[in-house]
PDB file of N, CA and C in Angstrom:
ATOM      1  N   MET A   1       6.047  12.043   0.570  1.00  0.00           N
ATOM      2  CA  MET A   1       4.952  11.367   0.136  1.00  0.00           C
ATOM      3  C   MET A   1       5.539  10.431  -1.068  1.00  0.00           C
ATOM      4  N   LYS A   2       6.695  10.958  -1.622  1.00  0.00           N
ATOM      5  CA  LYS A   2       7.150  10.101  -2.810  1.00  0.00           C
ATOM      6  C   LYS A   2       8.363   9.126  -2.029  1.00  0.00           C
ATOM      7  N   GLN A   3       8.505   9.216  -1.114  1.00  0.00           N
ATOM      8  CA  GLN A   3       9.652   8.285  -0.224  1.00  0.00           C
ATOM      9  C   GLN A   3       8.463   6.909   0.127  1.00  0.00           C
ATOM     10  N   ALA A   4       7.431   7.330   0.397  1.00  0.00           N
ATOM     11  CA  ALA A   4       6.296   6.026   0.973  1.00  0.00           C
ATOM     12  C   ALA A   4       6.004   5.428  -0.499  1.00  0.00           C
ATOM     13  N   GLU A   5       5.598   6.312  -1.591  1.00  0.00           N
ATOM     14  CA  GLU A   5       5.297   5.397  -2.692  1.00  0.00           C
ATOM     15  C   GLU A   5       6.759   4.556  -3.187  1.00  0.00           C
ATOM     16  N   LYS A   6       7.680   4.977  -3.060  1.00  0.00           N
ATOM     17  CA  LYS A   6       8.855   4.147  -3.452  1.00  0.00           C
ATOM     18  C   LYS A   6       9.005   2.910  -2.538  1.00  0.00           C
ATOM     19  N   LEU A   7       8.738   3.290  -1.485  1.00  0.00           N
ATOM     20  CA  LEU A   7       8.642   2.156  -0.303  1.00  0.00           C
ATOM     21  C   LEU A   7       7.744   0.796  -0.681  1.00  0.00           C
ATOM     22  N   LEU A   8       6.546   1.325  -0.951  1.00  0.00           N
ATOM     23  CA  LEU A   8       5.461   0.551  -1.394  1.00  0.00           C
ATOM     24  C   LEU A   8       5.748  -0.219  -2.617  1.00  0.00           C
ATOM     25  N   GLU A   9       6.237   0.431  -3.654  1.00  0.00           N
ATOM     26  CA  GLU A   9       6.949  -0.444  -5.164  1.00  0.00           C
ATOM     27  C   GLU A   9       7.646  -1.161  -4.561  1.00  0.00           C
ATOM     28  N   ASN A  10       8.908  -1.018  -3.781  1.00  0.00           N
ATOM     29  CA  ASN A  10      10.034  -1.969  -3.591  1.00  0.00           C
ATOM     30  C   ASN A  10       9.466  -3.154  -2.712  1.00  0.00           C
ATOM     31  N   ALA A  11       8.315  -3.120  -2.094  1.00  0.00           N
ATOM     32  CA  ALA A  11       7.852  -3.949  -1.271  1.00  0.00           C
ATOM     33  C   ALA A  11       6.998  -4.950  -2.234  1.00  0.00           C
ATOM     34  N   LEU A  12       6.509  -4.522  -3.362  1.00  0.00           N
ATOM     35  CA  LEU A  12       5.990  -5.509  -4.335  1.00  0.00           C
ATOM     36  C   LEU A  12       7.075  -6.264  -5.186  1.00  0.00           C
ATOM     37  N   ALA A  13       8.378  -5.438  -5.111  1.00  0.00           N
ATOM     38  CA  ALA A  13       9.130  -6.125  -6.084  1.00  0.00           C
ATOM     39  C   ALA A  13      10.219  -7.313  -5.232  1.00  0.00           C
ATOM     40  N   ALA A  14      10.313  -7.037  -4.206  1.00  0.00           N
ATOM     41  CA  ALA A  14      11.098  -7.641  -3.105  1.00  0.00           C
ATOM     42  C   ALA A  14      10.798  -8.922  -2.889  1.00  0.00           C
ATOM     43  N   LYS A  15      11.616 -10.041  -2.710  1.00  0.00           N
ATOM     44  CA  LYS A  15      11.196 -11.394  -2.601  1.00  0.00           C
ATOM     45  C   LYS A  15      10.999 -11.687  -0.874  1.00  0.00           C
ATOM     46  N   ALA A  16      10.791 -10.642  -0.128  1.00  0.00           N
ATOM     47  CA  ALA A  16      10.548 -10.852   1.315  1.00  0.00           C
ATOM     48  C   ALA A  16       9.506 -11.678   1.496  1.00  0.00           C
ATOM     49  N   ASP A  17       9.543 -12.723   2.901  1.00  0.00           N
ATOM     50  CA  ASP A  17       8.643 -13.539   3.032  1.00  0.00           C
ATOM     51  C   ASP A  17       7.231 -12.893   3.533  1.00  0.00           C
ATOM     52  N   ALA A  18       7.288 -11.928   4.327  1.00  0.00           N
ATOM     53  CA  ALA A  18       6.252 -11.345   5.274  1.00  0.00           C
ATOM     54  C   ALA A  18       6.782  -9.694   5.442  1.00  0.00           C
ATOM     55  N   THR A  19       5.781  -8.914   4.670  1.00  0.00           N
ATOM     56  CA  THR A  19       6.083  -7.408   4.868  1.00  0.00           C
ATOM     57  C   THR A  19       4.788  -6.852   4.942  1.00  0.00           C
ATOM     58  N   GLU A  20       4.604  -5.904   5.967  1.00  0.00           N
ATOM     59  CA  GLU A  20       3.237  -5.174   6.218  1.00  0.00           C
ATOM     60  C   GLU A  20       3.797  -3.649   6.175  1.00  0.00           C
ATOM     61  N   ILE A  21       3.249  -2.830   5.324  1.00  0.00           N
ATOM     62  CA  ILE A  21       3.106  -1.353   5.010  1.00  0.00           C
ATOM     63  C   ILE A  21       2.076  -0.899   5.215  1.00  0.00           C
ATOM     64  N   THR A  22       2.039   0.265   6.162  1.00  0.00           N
ATOM     65  CA  THR A  22       0.836   0.811   6.154  1.00  0.00           C
ATOM     66  C   THR A  22       1.061   2.371   6.151  1.00  0.00           C
ATOM     67  N   VAL A  23       0.374   3.266   5.191  1.00  0.00           N
ATOM     68  CA  VAL A  23       0.305   4.683   5.110  1.00  0.00           C
ATOM     69  C   VAL A  23      -0.606   5.261   5.613  1.00  0.00           C
ATOM     70  N   PHE A  24      -0.655   6.401   6.694  1.00  0.00           N
ATOM     71  CA  PHE A  24      -1.848   7.013   7.388  1.00  0.00           C
ATOM     72  C   PHE A  24      -1.405   8.743   6.881  1.00  0.00           C
ATOM     73  N   THR A  25      -2.702   9.086   6.694  1.00  0.00           N
ATOM     74  CA  THR A  25      -2.439  10.568   6.536  1.00  0.00           C
ATOM     75  C   THR A  25      -2.107  11.423   7.722  1.00  0.00           C
ATOM     76  N   PHE A  26      -1.653  12.691   7.655  1.00  0.00           N
ATOM     77  CA  PHE A  26      -1.367  13.302   8.958  1.00  0.00           C
ATOM     78  C   PHE A  26      -2.199  13.202   9.990  1.00  0.00           C
ATOM     79  N   LYS A  27      -3.620  13.433   9.590  1.00  0.00           N
ATOM     80  CA  LYS A  27      -4.648  13.489  10.740  1.00  0.00           C
ATOM     81  C   LYS A  27      -4.947  11.867  11.172  1.00  0.00           C
ATOM     82  N   LYS A  28      -4.113  10.993  10.199  1.00  0.00           N
ATOM     83  CA  LYS A  28      -4.288   9.564  10.867  1.00  0.00           C
ATOM     84  C   LYS A  28      -5.914   9.007  10.776  1.00  0.00           C
ATOM     85  N   ASP A  29      -6.696   9.813   9.592  1.00  0.00           N
ATOM     86  CA  ASP A  29      -8.046   9.626   9.461  1.00  0.00           C
ATOM     87  C   ASP A  29      -8.305   8.596   8.369  1.00  0.00           C
ATOM     88  N   ARG A  30      -7.206   8.283   7.349  1.00  0.00           N
ATOM     89  CA  ARG A  30      -7.249   7.478   6.214  1.00  0.00           C
ATOM     90  C   ARG A  30      -6.038   6.627   6.234  1.00  0.00           C
ATOM     91  N   LEU A  31      -6.111   5.449   5.573  1.00  0.00           N
ATOM     92  CA  LEU A  31      -5.110   4.611   5.521  1.00  0.00           C
ATOM     93  C   LEU A  31      -5.176   3.643   4.297  1.00  0.00           C
ATOM     94  N   LEU A  32      -3.644   3.019   3.931  1.00  0.00           N
ATOM     95  CA  LEU A  32      -3.621   2.496   3.018  1.00  0.00           C
ATOM     96  C   LEU A  32      -2.460   1.327   3.242  1.00  0.00           C
ATOM     97  N   GLY A  33      -3.026   0.238   3.316  1.00  0.00           N
ATOM     98  CA  GLY A  33      -1.911  -0.800   3.700  1.00  0.00           C
ATOM     99  C   GLY A  33      -1.680  -1.878   2.522  1.00  0.00           C
ATOM    100  N   LEU A  34      -0.619  -2.211   2.551  1.00  0.00           N
ATOM    101  CA  LEU A  34       0.131  -3.564   1.691  1.00  0.00           C
ATOM    102  C   LEU A  34       0.697  -4.517   2.675  1.00  0.00           C
ATOM    103  N   TYR A  35      -0.171  -5.791   2.602  1.00  0.00           N
ATOM    104  CA  TYR A  35       0.270  -7.016   3.155  1.00  0.00           C
ATOM    105  C   TYR A  35       0.751  -7.818   2.346  1.00  0.00           C
ATOM    106  N   ARG A  36       2.015  -8.230   2.515  1.00  0.00           N
ATOM    107  CA  ARG A  36       2.580  -9.369   1.570  1.00  0.00           C
ATOM    108  C   ARG A  36       2.784 -10.762   2.409  1.00  0.00           C
ATOM    109  N   GLN A  37       2.151 -11.699   2.137  1.00  0.00           N
ATOM    110  CA  GLN A  37       2.487 -13.129   2.545  1.00  0.00           C
ATOM    111  C   GLN A  37       3.450 -13.619   1.635  1.00  0.00           C
ATOM    112  N   VAL A  38       3.465 -15.065   1.899  1.00  0.00           N
ATOM    113  CA  VAL A  38       4.641 -15.730   1.034  1.00  0.00           C
ATOM    114  C   VAL A  38       4.098 -15.855  -0.512  1.00  0.00           C
ATOM    115  N   ASP A  39       2.752 -16.269  -0.713  1.00  0.00           N
ATOM    116  CA  ASP A  39       2.288 -16.117  -2.114  1.00  0.00           C
ATOM    117  C   ASP A  39       0.907 -15.166  -2.330  1.00  0.00           C
ATOM    118  N   GLN A  40       0.640 -14.276  -1.439  1.00  0.00           N
ATOM    119  CA  GLN A  40      -0.424 -13.239  -1.651  1.00  0.00           C
ATOM    120  C   GLN A  40      -0.027 -12.149  -1.433  1.00  0.00           C
ATOM    121  N   LEU A  41      -0.582 -11.054  -2.104  1.00  0.00           N
ATOM    122  CA  LEU A  41      -0.654  -9.566  -1.714  1.00  0.00           C
ATOM    123  C   LEU A  41      -1.865  -9.417  -1.299  1.00  0.00           C
ATOM    124  N   ARG A  42      -2.157  -8.274  -0.381  1.00  0.00           N
ATOM    125  CA  ARG A  42      -3.431  -7.854   0.076  1.00  0.00           C
ATOM    126  C   ARG A  42      -3.397  -6.243   0.149  1.00  0.00           C
ATOM    127  N   LEU A  43      -4.186  -5.475  -0.605  1.00  0.00           N
ATOM    128  CA  LEU A  43      -4.058  -4.175  -0.681  1.00  0.00           C
ATOM    129  C   LEU A  43      -5.425  -3.736   0.165  1.00  0.00           C
ATOM    130  N   LEU A  44      -5.294  -3.224   1.195  1.00  0.00           N
ATOM    131  CA  LEU A  44      -6.392  -2.631   2.466  1.00  0.00           C
ATOM    132  C   LEU A  44      -6.453  -1.232   1.858  1.00  0.00           C
ATOM    133  N   GLU A  45      -7.658  -0.448   1.784  1.00  0.00           N
ATOM    134  CA  GLU A  45      -7.955   0.987   1.587  1.00  0.00           C
ATOM    135  C   GLU A  45      -9.041   1.090   2.611  1.00  0.00           C
ATOM    136  N   ASN A  46      -8.719   2.135   3.627  1.00  0.00           N
ATOM    137  CA  ASN A  46      -9.804   2.738   4.326  1.00  0.00           C
ATOM    138  C   ASN A  46      -9.773   4.299   4.501  1.00  0.00           C
ATOM    139  N   GLY A  47     -10.764   4.826   3.964  1.00  0.00           N
ATOM    140  CA  GLY A  47     -10.854   6.142   3.651  1.00  0.00           C
ATOM    141  C   GLY A  47     -11.874   6.624   3.166  1.00  0.00           C
ATOM    142  N   TYR A  48     -11.583   7.504   1.737  1.00  0.00           N
ATOM    143  CA  TYR A  48     -12.590   7.860   1.071  1.00  0.00           C
ATOM    144  C   TYR A  48     -13.312   6.506   0.332  1.00  0.00           C
ATOM    145  N   GLY A  49     -12.303   5.658   0.130  1.00  0.00           N
ATOM    146  CA  GLY A  49     -13.245   4.285  -0.486  1.00  0.00           C
ATOM    147  C   GLY A  49     -12.795   3.186   0.572  1.00  0.00           C
ATOM    148  N   LYS A  50     -13.433   2.292   0.769  1.00  0.00           N
ATOM    149  CA  LYS A  50     -13.331   1.256   1.839  1.00  0.00           C
ATOM    150  C   LYS A  50     -13.223  -0.130   1.037  1.00  0.00           C
ATOM    151  N   SER A  51     -12.016  -0.606   0.656  1.00  0.00           N
ATOM    152  CA  SER A  51     -11.936  -1.779   0.013  1.00  0.00           C
ATOM    153  C   SER A  51     -10.906  -2.706   0.316  1.00  0.00           C
ATOM    154  N   GLN A  52     -10.868  -4.034   0.245  1.00  0.00           N
ATOM    155  CA  GLN A  52      -9.746  -5.054   0.078  1.00  0.00           C
ATOM    156  C   GLN A  52      -9.629  -5.865  -0.947  1.00  0.00           C
ATOM    157  N   GLN A  53      -8.477  -5.589  -1.553  1.00  0.00           N
ATOM    158  CA  GLN A  53      -8.173  -6.537  -2.699  1.00  0.00           C
ATOM    159  C   GLN A  53      -6.894  -7.366  -2.280  1.00  0.00           C
ATOM    160  N   SER A  54      -7.088  -8.713  -3.176  1.00  0.00           N
ATOM    161  CA  SER A  54      -6.173  -9.767  -2.935  1.00  0.00           C
ATOM    162  C   SER A  54      -5.735  -9.994  -4.299  1.00  0.00           C
ATOM    163  N   PHE A  55      -4.269 -10.256  -4.248  1.00  0.00           N
ATOM    164  CA  PHE A  55      -3.523 -10.674  -5.394  1.00  0.00           C
ATOM    165  C   PHE A  55      -2.617 -11.694  -5.443  1.00  0.00           C
ATOM    166  N   THR A  56      -2.159 -12.544  -6.418  1.00  0.00           N
ATOM    167  CA  THR A  56      -1.185 -13.530  -6.158  1.00  0.00           C
ATOM    168  C   THR A  56       0.149 -12.717  -6.449  1.00  0.00           C
ATOM    169  N   ILE A  57       0.941 -13.577  -6.334  1.00  0.00           N
ATOM    170  CA  ILE A  57       2.493 -13.022  -6.211  1.00  0.00           C
ATOM    171  C   ILE A  57       2.669 -12.717  -7.743  1.00  0.00           C
ATOM    172  N   GLU A  58       2.189 -13.713  -8.881  1.00  0.00           N
ATOM    173  CA  GLU A  58       2.080 -13.440 -10.299  1.00  0.00           C
ATOM    174  C   GLU A  58       1.273 -12.290 -10.927  1.00  0.00           C
ATOM    175  N   GLN A  59       0.436 -11.546 -10.147  1.00  0.00           N
ATOM    176  CA  GLN A  59      -0.259 -10.484 -10.119  1.00  0.00           C
ATOM    177  C   GLN A  59       0.560  -9.306  -9.833  1.00  0.00           C
ATOM    178  N   ARG A  60       1.549  -9.072  -9.545  1.00  0.00           N
ATOM    179  CA  ARG A  60       1.930  -7.852  -8.879  1.00  0.00           C
ATOM    180  C   ARG A  60       1.756  -6.687  -9.852  1.00  0.00           C
ATOM    181  N   HIS A  61       1.761  -6.804 -11.235  1.00  0.00           N
ATOM    182  CA  HIS A  61       1.687  -5.841 -12.079  1.00  0.00           C
ATOM    183  C   HIS A  61       0.210  -4.964 -11.908  1.00  0.00           C
ATOM    184  N   GLU A  62      -0.742  -5.965 -11.683  1.00  0.00           N
ATOM    185  CA  GLU A  62      -2.286  -5.633 -11.305  1.00  0.00           C
ATOM    186  C   GLU A  62      -2.193  -4.814 -10.054  1.00  0.00           C
ATOM    187  N   CYS A  63      -1.459  -5.727  -8.918  1.00  0.00           N
ATOM    188  CA  CYS A  63      -1.698  -5.046  -7.568  1.00  0.00           C
ATOM    189  C   CYS A  63      -0.716  -3.514  -7.818  1.00  0.00           C
ATOM    190  N   ARG A  64       0.245  -3.330  -8.566  1.00  0.00           N
ATOM    191  CA  ARG A  64       0.845  -2.061  -8.539  1.00  0.00           C
ATOM    192  C   ARG A  64      -0.045  -1.007  -9.091  1.00  0.00           C
ATOM    193  N   HIS A  65      -0.975  -1.138 -10.065  1.00  0.00           N
ATOM    194  CA  HIS A  65      -1.833  -0.182 -10.672  1.00  0.00           C
ATOM    195  C   HIS A  65      -2.900  -0.015  -9.782  1.00  0.00           C
ATOM    196  N   ALA A  66      -3.297  -0.839  -9.007  1.00  0.00           N
ATOM    197  CA  ALA A  66      -4.459  -0.631  -8.048  1.00  0.00           C
ATOM    198  C   ALA A  66      -3.657   0.120  -6.785  1.00  0.00           C
ATOM    199  N   LEU A  67      -2.448  -0.021  -6.564  1.00  0.00           N
ATOM    200  CA  LEU A  67      -1.976   0.866  -5.653  1.00  0.00           C
ATOM    201  C   LEU A  67      -1.845   2.081  -5.957  1.00  0.00           C
ATOM    202  N   LYS A  68      -1.300   2.421  -7.142  1.00  0.00           N
ATOM    203  CA  LYS A  68      -1.162   3.673  -7.538  1.00  0.00           C
ATOM    204  C   LYS A  68      -2.661   4.598  -7.701  1.00  0.00           C
ATOM    205  N   ALA A  69      -3.472   3.823  -8.068  1.00  0.00           N
ATOM    206  CA  ALA A  69      -4.927   4.395  -8.261  1.00  0.00           C
ATOM    207  C   ALA A  69      -5.636   4.702  -6.636  1.00  0.00           C
ATOM    208  N   ALA A  70      -5.071   3.738  -5.849  1.00  0.00           N
ATOM    209  CA  ALA A  70      -5.622   3.994  -4.291  1.00  0.00           C
ATOM    210  C   ALA A  70      -4.664   5.260  -3.685  1.00  0.00           C
ATOM    211  N   LEU A  71      -3.350   5.188  -4.328  1.00  0.00           N
ATOM    212  CA  LEU A  71      -2.620   6.519  -3.502  1.00  0.00           C
ATOM    213  C   LEU A  71      -3.139   7.870  -4.112  1.00  0.00           C
ATOM    214  N   LYS A  72      -3.717   7.845  -5.331  1.00  0.00           N
ATOM    215  CA  LYS A  72      -4.254   9.216  -5.920  1.00  0.00           C
ATOM    216  C   LYS A  72      -5.630   9.379  -5.220  1.00  0.00           C
ATOM    217  N   MET A  73      -6.311   8.493  -4.913  1.00  0.00           N
ATOM    218  CA  MET A  73      -7.727   8.728  -4.345  1.00  0.00           C
ATOM    219  C   MET A  73      -7.321   9.088  -2.818  1.00  0.00           C
ATOM    220  N   GLU A  74      -6.698   8.364  -2.023  1.00  0.00           N
ATOM    221  CA  GLU A  74      -6.623   8.575  -0.577  1.00  0.00           C
ATOM    222  C   GLU A  74      -5.654   9.741  -0.365  1.00  0.00           C
ATOM    223  N   PHE A  75      -4.462   9.968  -1.070  1.00  0.00           N
ATOM    224  CA  PHE A  75      -3.689  10.974  -0.527  1.00  0.00           C
ATOM    225  C   PHE A  75      -3.598  12.090  -1.785  1.00  0.00           C
ATOM    226  N   PRO A  76      -4.690  12.749  -2.613  1.00  0.00           N
ATOM    227  CA  PRO A  76      -4.462  13.576  -3.543  1.00  0.00           C
ATOM    228  C   PRO A  76      -3.594  14.892  -3.373  1.00  0.00           C
ATOM    229  N   ARG A  77      -3.636  15.316  -2.247  1.00  0.00           N
ATOM    230  CA  ARG A  77      -2.596  16.425  -2.075  1.00  0.00           C
ATOM    231  C   ARG A  77      -1.737  16.376  -0.738  1.00  0.00           C
ATOM    232  N   SER A  78      -1.591  15.077  -0.281  1.00  0.00           N
ATOM    233  CA  SER A  78      -1.010  14.902   0.991  1.00  0.00           C
ATOM    234  C   SER A  78       0.647  15.087   0.655  1.00  0.00           C
ATOM    235  N   ARG A  79       1.469  15.710   1.525  1.00  0.00           N
ATOM    236  CA  ARG A  79       2.617  15.908   1.576  1.00  0.00           C
ATOM    237  C   ARG A  79       3.385  15.434   2.753  1.00  0.00           C
ATOM    238  N   GLN A  80       2.796  15.405   3.991  1.00  0.00           N
ATOM    239  CA  GLN A  80       3.004  14.591   5.006  1.00  0.00           C
ATOM    240  C   GLN A  80       2.421  13.320   5.492  1.00  0.00           C
ATOM    241  N   VAL A  81       3.040  12.160   5.442  1.00  0.00           N
ATOM    242  CA  VAL A  81       2.153  10.849   5.892  1.00  0.00           C
ATOM    243  C   VAL A  81       2.871  10.185   6.866  1.00  0.00           C
ATOM    244  N   TYR A  82       2.178   9.422   7.595  1.00  0.00           N
ATOM    245  CA  TYR A  82       2.882   8.376   8.375  1.00  0.00           C
ATOM    246  C   TYR A  82       3.109   7.226   7.678  1.00  0.00           C
ATOM    247  N   VAL A  83       4.196   6.404   8.122  1.00  0.00           N
ATOM    248  CA  VAL A  83       4.635   5.199   7.330  1.00  0.00           C
ATOM    249  C   VAL A  83       4.689   4.139   8.556  1.00  0.00           C
ATOM    250  N   ASN A  84       4.212   3.077   8.573  1.00  0.00           N
ATOM    251  CA  ASN A  84       4.613   1.951   9.389  1.00  0.00           C
ATOM    252  C   ASN A  84       5.052   0.889   8.621  1.00  0.00           C
ATOM    253  N   VAL A  85       6.193   0.426   9.132  1.00  0.00           N
ATOM    254  CA  VAL A  85       6.487  -0.743   8.244  1.00  0.00           C
ATOM    255  C   VAL A  85       6.751  -2.003   9.181  1.00  0.00           C
ATOM    256  N   ARG A  86       6.483  -3.210   9.059  1.00  0.00           N
ATOM    257  CA  ARG A  86       6.784  -4.380   9.914  1.00  0.00           C
ATOM    258  C   ARG A  86       7.214  -5.199   8.835  1.00  0.00           C
ATOM    259  N   LYS A  87       8.327  -6.097   9.436  1.00  0.00           N
ATOM    260  CA  LYS A  87       9.033  -7.106   8.498  1.00  0.00           C
ATOM    261  C   LYS A  87       9.031  -8.472   9.505  1.00  0.00           C
TER     262      LYS A  87
END
């Protein structure tokens, strides 16, 4: 799980043009996705809470806080997760 957290935080800081990172639980019933376009970040949460939030690149700090809160809610005790990365 810690590797998935690091991967998500690195995607926020990187200057990549397009990145999609999706984290699933072991049973694949909940997911958290971070989608990065050139000028926009999108955080998708589907599990306990179902929401979709959009941030501009300048709002990376707010997106990071929302990401950490979503990780705590969706994966409170998870040790094994599936990570899907597309570039």
